Amino acid sequence: MDPIYLSAEIHSINLSNTNPLILPGIIGGRHTQILIDSGASLTLINSKFFEKLSTYYQRRARPPPPHLFLQPADRSHLQVKCSLTLPITILNSIRIHTVHVVPQLWRFCIIGNDLIRKHNLQIDGGRQYAYFKKYNQNKPPKRTREENIHNDEEYTLPSIERIKLPPFHAYHIRVKPNRMLKSSKEINDEEEYEITSVKETPRVANGIITPQHDMILQLANITERTIMIHINQPLAKMTRLNQNQLTGVPGIMSLSVFC
């Protein structure tokens, strides 16, 4: 019988970043300070931050990829407990990405090269600034026999769960577009949509999102009475951004309610 060779997937992590870029962000619905480190191969969170996530996300944790090793500069090894996919928000723009839970990690969250490259995260260390770069509007169109395919201009986002929302509380609620989205393989460019509330109460946090078949929005009750949210209740509008709006994305503010 021929021998079987197992290859180890070794990833680096930088322990001595002398000029770190630390920005506020939201990981899995939790506000935190994010360290952006191009010297780290992977995007990581520690156990303390994992325990702060809602049970919705914790239940979706899975074993890490086999033969995955995380190696600091001192050649030691850090244990990877599990992996999960989370929404990551930087400057009101959301991306869905796989993160790995490392119990001994000294920070809540480190954004690594895997996210920086996959989602085209632009970093300006001098101004302590980072943002997700939009596709180049001056780029010549792709030559194809088919016409450009896009999702619709606007969707309604109804709730797919029933909840009771107490006064002055926020909740991360699951929603689905009212019409089927085209798959990422069908459309020519990664589209971004602006989220706006259908009503003043309950209010959905405004921001930018990449459409998915199943999404999570921050919903806030800013009244003095309890509100019931029912299945299929419309909560927000999702409107595709045009090129002029994309250049103004950093000016969009989001609603934050701390409970």
C-alpha atoms as a PDB file:
ATOM      1  CA  MET A   1       0.000   0.000   0.000  1.00  0.00           C
ATOM      2  CA  ASP A   2       1.311   3.469  -0.935  1.00  0.00           C
ATOM      3  CA  PRO A   3       2.013   5.812   2.000  1.00  0.00           C
ATOM      4  CA  ILE A   4      -0.476   8.614   2.745  1.00  0.00           C
ATOM      5  CA  TYR A   5       1.005  12.083   3.189  1.00  0.00           C
ATOM      6  CA  LEU A   6      -0.769  14.689   5.327  1.00  0.00           C
ATOM      7  CA  SER A   7       0.105  18.333   4.722  1.00  0.00           C
ATOM      8  CA  ALA A   8      -0.150  20.861   7.534  1.00  0.00           C
ATOM      9  CA  GLU A   9      -1.681  24.247   6.779  1.00  0.00           C
ATOM     10  CA  ILE A  10       0.471  26.680   8.789  1.00  0.00           C
ATOM     11  CA  HIS A  11      -0.621  30.286   9.216  1.00  0.00           C
ATOM     12  CA  SER A  12       1.332  33.141  10.753  1.00  0.00           C
ATOM     13  CA  ILE A  13       0.313  35.738  13.310  1.00  0.00           C
ATOM     14  CA  ASN A  14       2.173  38.950  14.183  1.00  0.00           C
ATOM     15  CA  LEU A  15       2.781  39.519  17.897  1.00  0.00           C
ATOM     16  CA  SER A  16       4.931  42.659  17.551  1.00  0.00           C
ATOM     17  CA  ASN A  17       3.008  45.114  15.407  1.00  0.00           C
ATOM     18  CA  THR A  18       4.665  48.449  16.231  1.00  0.00           C
ATOM     19  CA  ASN A  19       2.093  50.600  14.388  1.00  0.00           C
ATOM     20  CA  PRO A  20      -1.252  48.832  14.815  1.00  0.00           C
ATOM     21  CA  LEU A  21      -4.408  50.021  13.064  1.00  0.00           C
ATOM     22  CA  ILE A  22      -7.303  49.699  15.522  1.00  0.00           C
ATOM     23  CA  LEU A  23     -10.801  50.687  14.433  1.00  0.00           C
ATOM     24  CA  PRO A  24     -14.314  50.384  15.862  1.00  0.00           C
ATOM     25  CA  GLY A  25     -16.429  47.758  14.156  1.00  0.00           C
ATOM     26  CA  ILE A  26     -19.171  45.197  14.603  1.00  0.00           C
ATOM     27  CA  ILE A  27     -18.511  41.438  14.569  1.00  0.00           C
ATOM     28  CA  GLY A  28     -21.527  39.150  14.709  1.00  0.00           C
ATOM     29  CA  GLY A  29     -23.678  41.991  15.983  1.00  0.00           C
ATOM     30  CA  ARG A  30     -21.263  42.936  18.797  1.00  0.00           C
ATOM     31  CA  HIS A  31     -19.482  46.303  18.898  1.00  0.00           C
ATOM     32  CA  THR A  32     -15.738  45.927  19.455  1.00  0.00           C
ATOM     33  CA  GLN A  33     -12.307  47.351  18.655  1.00  0.00           C
ATOM     34  CA  ILE A  34     -10.793  45.583  15.639  1.00  0.00           C
ATOM     35  CA  LEU A  35      -7.059  45.213  15.064  1.00  0.00           C
ATOM     36  CA  ILE A  36      -6.296  45.140  11.332  1.00  0.00           C
ATOM     37  CA  ASP A  37      -3.016  43.270  10.837  1.00  0.00           C
ATOM     38  CA  SER A  38      -1.698  42.402   7.367  1.00  0.00           C
ATOM     39  CA  GLY A  39       0.974  40.291   9.097  1.00  0.00           C
ATOM     40  CA  ALA A  40      -1.674  37.790  10.234  1.00  0.00           C
ATOM     41  CA  SER A  41      -2.796  35.146   7.756  1.00  0.00           C
ATOM     42  CA  LEU A  42      -6.267  34.559   9.202  1.00  0.00           C
ATOM     43  CA  THR A  43      -9.086  36.514  10.814  1.00  0.00           C
ATOM     44  CA  LEU A  44      -9.390  35.549  14.486  1.00  0.00           C
ATOM     45  CA  ILE A  45     -11.455  36.135  17.618  1.00  0.00           C
ATOM     46  CA  ASN A  46     -10.768  34.916  21.152  1.00  0.00           C
ATOM     47  CA  SER A  47     -12.941  32.805  23.441  1.00  0.00           C
ATOM     48  CA  LYS A  48     -14.126  35.779  25.503  1.00  0.00           C
ATOM     49  CA  PHE A  49     -15.535  37.458  22.404  1.00  0.00           C
ATOM     50  CA  PHE A  50     -17.036  34.173  21.161  1.00  0.00           C
ATOM     51  CA  GLU A  51     -18.926  33.849  24.447  1.00  0.00           C
ATOM     52  CA  LYS A  52     -20.397  37.347  23.919  1.00  0.00           C
ATOM     53  CA  LEU A  53     -21.964  36.295  20.611  1.00  0.00           C
ATOM     54  CA  SER A  54     -25.623  35.347  20.496  1.00  0.00           C
ATOM     55  CA  THR A  55     -26.555  31.670  20.630  1.00  0.00           C
ATOM     56  CA  TYR A  56     -27.636  32.023  17.002  1.00  0.00           C
ATOM     57  CA  TYR A  57     -23.964  32.310  16.003  1.00  0.00           C
ATOM     58  CA  GLN A  58     -22.471  30.067  18.692  1.00  0.00           C
ATOM     59  CA  ARG A  59     -24.584  27.136  17.506  1.00  0.00           C
ATOM     60  CA  ARG A  60     -23.125  27.543  14.023  1.00  0.00           C
ATOM     61  CA  ALA A  61     -19.537  27.026  15.166  1.00  0.00           C
ATOM     62  CA  ARG A  62     -17.870  24.049  13.517  1.00  0.00           C
ATOM     63  CA  PRO A  63     -14.563  22.214  14.026  1.00  0.00           C
ATOM     64  CA  PRO A  64     -11.600  24.031  12.458  1.00  0.00           C
ATOM     65  CA  PRO A  65     -10.148  22.745   9.188  1.00  0.00           C
ATOM     66  CA  PRO A  66      -7.999  19.640   9.771  1.00  0.00           C
ATOM     67  CA  HIS A  67      -4.232  20.160  10.004  1.00  0.00           C
ATOM     68  CA  LEU A  68      -4.677  23.905  10.580  1.00  0.00           C
ATOM     69  CA  PHE A  69      -1.858  25.388  12.687  1.00  0.00           C
ATOM     70  CA  LEU A  70      -1.487  28.956  13.868  1.00  0.00           C
ATOM     71  CA  GLN A  71       2.145  29.929  14.417  1.00  0.00           C
ATOM     72  CA  PRO A  72       3.374  33.186  16.049  1.00  0.00           C
ATOM     73  CA  ALA A  73       6.813  34.566  15.219  1.00  0.00           C
ATOM     74  CA  ASP A  74       8.352  32.668  18.167  1.00  0.00           C
ATOM     75  CA  ARG A  75       7.476  29.364  16.390  1.00  0.00           C
ATOM     76  CA  SER A  76       5.080  28.274  19.129  1.00  0.00           C
ATOM     77  CA  HIS A  77       1.587  27.061  18.262  1.00  0.00           C
ATOM     78  CA  LEU A  78      -1.801  28.512  19.186  1.00  0.00           C
ATOM     79  CA  GLN A  79      -4.842  26.277  19.431  1.00  0.00           C
ATOM     80  CA  VAL A  80      -7.749  26.923  17.067  1.00  0.00           C
ATOM     81  CA  LYS A  81     -10.901  25.864  18.926  1.00  0.00           C
ATOM     82  CA  CYS A  82     -13.512  26.228  16.169  1.00  0.00           C
ATOM     83  CA  SER A  83     -14.515  28.229  13.090  1.00  0.00           C
ATOM     84  CA  LEU A  84     -17.688  30.075  12.148  1.00  0.00           C
ATOM     85  CA  THR A  85     -19.003  32.529   9.597  1.00  0.00           C
ATOM     86  CA  LEU A  86     -19.899  36.007  10.876  1.00  0.00           C
ATOM     87  CA  PRO A  87     -21.004  39.373   9.458  1.00  0.00           C
ATOM     88  CA  ILE A  88     -18.193  41.921   9.873  1.00  0.00           C
ATOM     89  CA  THR A  89     -18.991  45.636   9.685  1.00  0.00           C
ATOM     90  CA  ILE A  90     -16.350  48.302   9.027  1.00  0.00           C
ATOM     91  CA  LEU A  91     -17.476  51.856   8.227  1.00  0.00           C
ATOM     92  CA  ASN A  92     -21.108  50.724   7.861  1.00  0.00           C
ATOM     93  CA  SER A  93     -20.206  48.241   5.111  1.00  0.00           C
ATOM     94  CA  ILE A  94     -20.854  44.582   5.886  1.00  0.00           C
ATOM     95  CA  ARG A  95     -18.996  41.514   4.646  1.00  0.00           C
ATOM     96  CA  ILE A  96     -19.622  37.867   5.525  1.00  0.00           C
ATOM     97  CA  HIS A  97     -16.409  36.044   6.431  1.00  0.00           C
ATOM     98  CA  THR A  98     -15.087  32.947   8.216  1.00  0.00           C
ATOM     99  CA  VAL A  99     -13.331  33.614  11.523  1.00  0.00           C
ATOM    100  CA  HIS A 100     -11.407  31.207  13.755  1.00  0.00           C
ATOM    101  CA  VAL A 101     -11.693  31.100  17.546  1.00  0.00           C
ATOM    102  CA  VAL A 102      -8.302  31.096  19.314  1.00  0.00           C
ATOM    103  CA  PRO A 103      -8.697  30.853  23.129  1.00  0.00           C
ATOM    104  CA  GLN A 104      -5.255  32.362  23.913  1.00  0.00           C
ATOM    105  CA  LEU A 105      -5.622  35.345  21.546  1.00  0.00           C
ATOM    106  CA  TRP A 106      -4.706  38.566  23.396  1.00  0.00           C
ATOM    107  CA  ARG A 107      -7.279  40.708  21.510  1.00  0.00           C
ATOM    108  CA  PHE A 108     -10.999  40.290  20.923  1.00  0.00           C
ATOM    109  CA  CYS A 109     -10.583  40.377  17.136  1.00  0.00           C
ATOM    110  CA  ILE A 110      -7.789  40.502  14.558  1.00  0.00           C
ATOM    111  CA  ILE A 111      -8.545  41.062  10.878  1.00  0.00           C
ATOM    112  CA  GLY A 112      -6.017  39.120   8.809  1.00  0.00           C
ATOM    113  CA  ASN A 113      -4.849  38.938   5.215  1.00  0.00           C
ATOM    114  CA  ASP A 114      -7.542  36.430   4.244  1.00  0.00           C
ATOM    115  CA  LEU A 115     -10.276  39.053   4.738  1.00  0.00           C
ATOM    116  CA  ILE A 116      -8.145  41.946   3.474  1.00  0.00           C
ATOM    117  CA  ARG A 117      -7.550  40.220   0.134  1.00  0.00           C
ATOM    118  CA  LYS A 118     -10.917  38.508  -0.338  1.00  0.00           C
ATOM    119  CA  HIS A 119     -13.001  41.614   0.354  1.00  0.00           C
ATOM    120  CA  ASN A 120     -10.529  44.226  -0.954  1.00  0.00           C
ATOM    121  CA  LEU A 121     -10.121  46.048   2.358  1.00  0.00           C
ATOM    122  CA  GLN A 122      -8.155  49.259   1.769  1.00  0.00           C
ATOM    123  CA  ILE A 123      -5.888  50.409   4.622  1.00  0.00           C
ATOM    124  CA  ASP A 124      -4.567  53.917   5.255  1.00  0.00           C
ATOM    125  CA  GLY A 125      -2.294  53.553   8.286  1.00  0.00           C
ATOM    126  CA  GLY A 126      -1.300  57.208   8.247  1.00  0.00           C
ATOM    127  CA  ARG A 127      -4.864  58.408   8.750  1.00  0.00           C
ATOM    128  CA  GLN A 128      -5.847  55.342  10.809  1.00  0.00           C
ATOM    129  CA  TYR A 129      -8.558  54.503   8.305  1.00  0.00           C
ATOM    130  CA  ALA A 130      -9.825  51.421   6.462  1.00  0.00           C
ATOM    131  CA  TYR A 131     -12.698  50.764   4.078  1.00  0.00           C
ATOM    132  CA  PHE A 132     -13.944  48.154   1.621  1.00  0.00           C
ATOM    133  CA  LYS A 133     -13.066  49.304  -1.886  1.00  0.00           C
ATOM    134  CA  LYS A 134     -15.870  49.280  -4.414  1.00  0.00           C
ATOM    135  CA  TYR A 135     -15.312  47.995  -7.920  1.00  0.00           C
ATOM    136  CA  ASN A 136     -13.604  50.460 -10.245  1.00  0.00           C
ATOM    137  CA  GLN A 137     -16.211  52.413 -12.179  1.00  0.00           C
ATOM    138  CA  ASN A 138     -13.564  53.296 -14.818  1.00  0.00           C
ATOM    139  CA  LYS A 139     -12.824  49.645 -15.486  1.00  0.00           C
ATOM    140  CA  PRO A 140     -13.905  48.638 -19.018  1.00  0.00           C
ATOM    141  CA  PRO A 141     -16.990  46.420 -19.044  1.00  0.00           C
ATOM    142  CA  LYS A 142     -16.522  42.710 -19.348  1.00  0.00           C
ATOM    143  CA  ARG A 143     -16.954  41.365 -22.832  1.00  0.00           C
ATOM    144  CA  THR A 144     -19.593  38.711 -22.748  1.00  0.00           C
ATOM    145  CA  ARG A 145     -22.272  37.387 -25.023  1.00  0.00           C
ATOM    146  CA  GLU A 146     -24.825  37.821 -22.271  1.00  0.00           C
ATOM    147  CA  GLU A 147     -26.248  41.081 -20.980  1.00  0.00           C
ATOM    148  CA  ASN A 148     -25.250  42.366 -17.561  1.00  0.00           C
ATOM    149  CA  ILE A 149     -27.286  40.559 -14.934  1.00  0.00           C
ATOM    150  CA  HIS A 150     -28.279  42.325 -11.714  1.00  0.00           C
ATOM    151  CA  ASN A 151     -30.581  41.761  -8.810  1.00  0.00           C
ATOM    152  CA  ASP A 152     -33.661  43.985  -8.587  1.00  0.00           C
ATOM    153  CA  GLU A 153     -33.366  47.643  -7.596  1.00  0.00           C
ATOM    154  CA  GLU A 154     -35.313  47.266  -4.353  1.00  0.00           C
ATOM    155  CA  TYR A 155     -36.485  44.551  -1.972  1.00  0.00           C
ATOM    156  CA  THR A 156     -38.592  44.463   1.162  1.00  0.00           C
ATOM    157  CA  LEU A 157     -37.057  42.606   4.122  1.00  0.00           C
ATOM    158  CA  PRO A 158     -39.686  40.822   6.255  1.00  0.00           C
ATOM    159  CA  SER A 159     -38.870  39.067   9.525  1.00  0.00           C
ATOM    160  CA  ILE A 160     -38.546  35.284   9.522  1.00  0.00           C
ATOM    161  CA  GLU A 161     -38.897  34.994  13.303  1.00  0.00           C
ATOM    162  CA  ARG A 162     -41.352  36.139  15.968  1.00  0.00           C
ATOM    163  CA  ILE A 163     -39.961  38.119  18.893  1.00  0.00           C
ATOM    164  CA  LYS A 164     -41.043  40.372  21.767  1.00  0.00           C
ATOM    165  CA  LEU A 165     -38.915  43.531  21.875  1.00  0.00           C
ATOM    166  CA  PRO A 166     -38.894  45.360  25.257  1.00  0.00           C
ATOM    167  CA  PRO A 167     -38.693  49.177  25.518  1.00  0.00           C
ATOM    168  CA  PHE A 168     -35.336  50.752  24.614  1.00  0.00           C
ATOM    169  CA  HIS A 169     -33.805  47.447  23.541  1.00  0.00           C
ATOM    170  CA  ALA A 170     -32.073  46.263  20.388  1.00  0.00           C
ATOM    171  CA  TYR A 171     -32.149  42.798  18.820  1.00  0.00           C
ATOM    172  CA  HIS A 172     -30.415  41.154  15.883  1.00  0.00           C
ATOM    173  CA  ILE A 173     -33.239  39.670  13.869  1.00  0.00           C
ATOM    174  CA  ARG A 174     -33.205  37.335  10.861  1.00  0.00           C
ATOM    175  CA  VAL A 175     -34.818  38.562   7.643  1.00  0.00           C
ATOM    176  CA  LYS A 176     -35.150  37.368   4.059  1.00  0.00           C
ATOM    177  CA  PRO A 177     -35.769  39.375   0.869  1.00  0.00           C
ATOM    178  CA  ASN A 178     -39.363  39.213  -0.355  1.00  0.00           C
ATOM    179  CA  ARG A 179     -38.126  37.932  -3.731  1.00  0.00           C
ATOM    180  CA  MET A 180     -35.474  35.394  -4.636  1.00  0.00           C
ATOM    181  CA  LEU A 181     -31.962  36.785  -5.147  1.00  0.00           C
ATOM    182  CA  LYS A 182     -29.774  35.698  -8.023  1.00  0.00           C
ATOM    183  CA  SER A 183     -26.721  33.689  -7.044  1.00  0.00           C
ATOM    184  CA  SER A 184     -23.295  35.350  -6.941  1.00  0.00           C
ATOM    185  CA  LYS A 185     -22.323  33.249  -9.978  1.00  0.00           C
ATOM    186  CA  GLU A 186     -25.120  34.789 -12.051  1.00  0.00           C
ATOM    187  CA  ILE A 187     -24.355  38.473 -11.463  1.00  0.00           C
ATOM    188  CA  ASN A 188     -21.340  40.268 -12.910  1.00  0.00           C
ATOM    189  CA  ASP A 189     -20.398  42.471  -9.951  1.00  0.00           C
ATOM    190  CA  GLU A 190     -20.736  42.289  -6.185  1.00  0.00           C
ATOM    191  CA  GLU A 191     -23.748  44.506  -5.505  1.00  0.00           C
ATOM    192  CA  GLU A 192     -24.296  46.634  -2.430  1.00  0.00           C
ATOM    193  CA  TYR A 193     -27.605  47.848  -1.039  1.00  0.00           C
ATOM    194  CA  GLU A 194     -28.637  50.538   1.431  1.00  0.00           C
ATOM    195  CA  ILE A 195     -30.854  49.447   4.330  1.00  0.00           C
ATOM    196  CA  THR A 196     -33.612  51.819   5.532  1.00  0.00           C
ATOM    197  CA  SER A 197     -36.466  51.311   7.989  1.00  0.00           C
ATOM    198  CA  VAL A 198     -40.032  50.810   6.801  1.00  0.00           C
ATOM    199  CA  LYS A 199     -41.381  52.573   9.919  1.00  0.00           C
ATOM    200  CA  GLU A 200     -40.032  54.863  12.628  1.00  0.00           C
ATOM    201  CA  THR A 201     -40.745  52.108  15.186  1.00  0.00           C
ATOM    202  CA  PRO A 202     -39.368  49.511  15.214  1.00  0.00           C
ATOM    203  CA  ARG A 203     -36.280  51.055  13.646  1.00  0.00           C
ATOM    204  CA  VAL A 204     -33.648  49.159  11.682  1.00  0.00           C
ATOM    205  CA  ALA A 205     -30.029  50.359  11.743  1.00  0.00           C
ATOM    206  CA  ASN A 206     -29.227  52.105   8.473  1.00  0.00           C
ATOM    207  CA  GLY A 207     -26.154  50.938   6.614  1.00  0.00           C
ATOM    208  CA  ILE A 208     -24.731  49.142   3.605  1.00  0.00           C
ATOM    209  CA  ILE A 209     -25.108  45.401   3.052  1.00  0.00           C
ATOM    210  CA  THR A 210     -24.222  42.789   0.458  1.00  0.00           C
ATOM    211  CA  PRO A 211     -27.479  40.893  -0.182  1.00  0.00           C
ATOM    212  CA  GLN A 212     -27.807  37.328   1.049  1.00  0.00           C
ATOM    213  CA  HIS A 213     -30.686  34.847   1.031  1.00  0.00           C
ATOM    214  CA  ASP A 214     -30.693  34.972   4.843  1.00  0.00           C
ATOM    215  CA  MET A 215     -29.546  38.169   6.612  1.00  0.00           C
ATOM    216  CA  ILE A 216     -29.407  39.624  10.116  1.00  0.00           C
ATOM    217  CA  LEU A 217     -30.341  43.241  10.877  1.00  0.00           C
ATOM    218  CA  GLN A 218     -30.147  45.295  14.061  1.00  0.00           C
ATOM    219  CA  LEU A 219     -33.674  46.192  15.153  1.00  0.00           C
ATOM    220  CA  ALA A 220     -34.342  48.767  17.894  1.00  0.00           C
ATOM    221  CA  ASN A 221     -37.378  49.654  19.983  1.00  0.00           C
ATOM    222  CA  ILE A 222     -36.901  53.277  21.079  1.00  0.00           C
ATOM    223  CA  THR A 223     -40.347  53.631  22.657  1.00  0.00           C
ATOM    224  CA  GLU A 224     -41.594  53.060  26.189  1.00  0.00           C
ATOM    225  CA  ARG A 225     -43.799  50.112  25.237  1.00  0.00           C
ATOM    226  CA  THR A 226     -43.091  46.493  24.311  1.00  0.00           C
ATOM    227  CA  ILE A 227     -43.350  45.716  20.597  1.00  0.00           C
ATOM    228  CA  MET A 228     -44.266  42.356  19.053  1.00  0.00           C
ATOM    229  CA  ILE A 229     -42.528  41.438  15.793  1.00  0.00           C
ATOM    230  CA  HIS A 230     -44.372  38.837  13.749  1.00  0.00           C
ATOM    231  CA  ILE A 231     -43.178  36.432  11.055  1.00  0.00           C
ATOM    232  CA  ASN A 232     -43.390  38.037   7.589  1.00  0.00           C
ATOM    233  CA  GLN A 233     -43.698  41.536   9.082  1.00  0.00           C
ATOM    234  CA  PRO A 234     -41.904  44.015   6.759  1.00  0.00           C
ATOM    235  CA  LEU A 235     -39.086  45.713   8.671  1.00  0.00           C
ATOM    236  CA  ALA A 236     -36.806  47.390   6.118  1.00  0.00           C
ATOM    237  CA  LYS A 237     -36.219  48.342   2.509  1.00  0.00           C
ATOM    238  CA  MET A 238     -33.065  47.251   0.680  1.00  0.00           C
ATOM    239  CA  THR A 239     -32.232  49.560  -2.245  1.00  0.00           C
ATOM    240  CA  ARG A 240     -29.324  49.023  -4.637  1.00  0.00           C
ATOM    241  CA  LEU A 241     -26.705  51.794  -4.599  1.00  0.00           C
ATOM    242  CA  ASN A 242     -25.639  53.515  -7.789  1.00  0.00           C
ATOM    243  CA  GLN A 243     -22.109  54.715  -8.496  1.00  0.00           C
ATOM    244  CA  ASN A 244     -22.691  58.241  -7.150  1.00  0.00           C
ATOM    245  CA  GLN A 245     -24.028  56.848  -3.888  1.00  0.00           C
ATOM    246  CA  LEU A 246     -21.123  54.416  -3.555  1.00  0.00           C
ATOM    247  CA  THR A 247     -18.652  57.282  -3.428  1.00  0.00           C
ATOM    248  CA  GLY A 248     -20.537  58.723  -0.467  1.00  0.00           C
ATOM    249  CA  VAL A 249     -20.738  55.531   1.607  1.00  0.00           C
ATOM    250  CA  PRO A 250     -18.456  56.722   4.470  1.00  0.00           C
ATOM    251  CA  GLY A 251     -20.963  59.483   5.275  1.00  0.00           C
ATOM    252  CA  ILE A 252     -23.789  57.069   6.100  1.00  0.00           C
ATOM    253  CA  MET A 253     -24.387  56.752   9.831  1.00  0.00           C
ATOM    254  CA  SER A 254     -25.839  53.726  11.573  1.00  0.00           C
ATOM    255  CA  LEU A 255     -28.145  53.522  14.574  1.00  0.00           C
ATOM    256  CA  SER A 256     -26.672  52.039  17.742  1.00  0.00           C
ATOM    257  CA  VAL A 257     -28.750  51.187  20.806  1.00  0.00           C
ATOM    258  CA  PHE A 258     -26.879  49.884  23.849  1.00  0.00           C
ATOM    259  CA  CYS A 259     -28.818  47.775  26.341  1.00  0.00           C
END
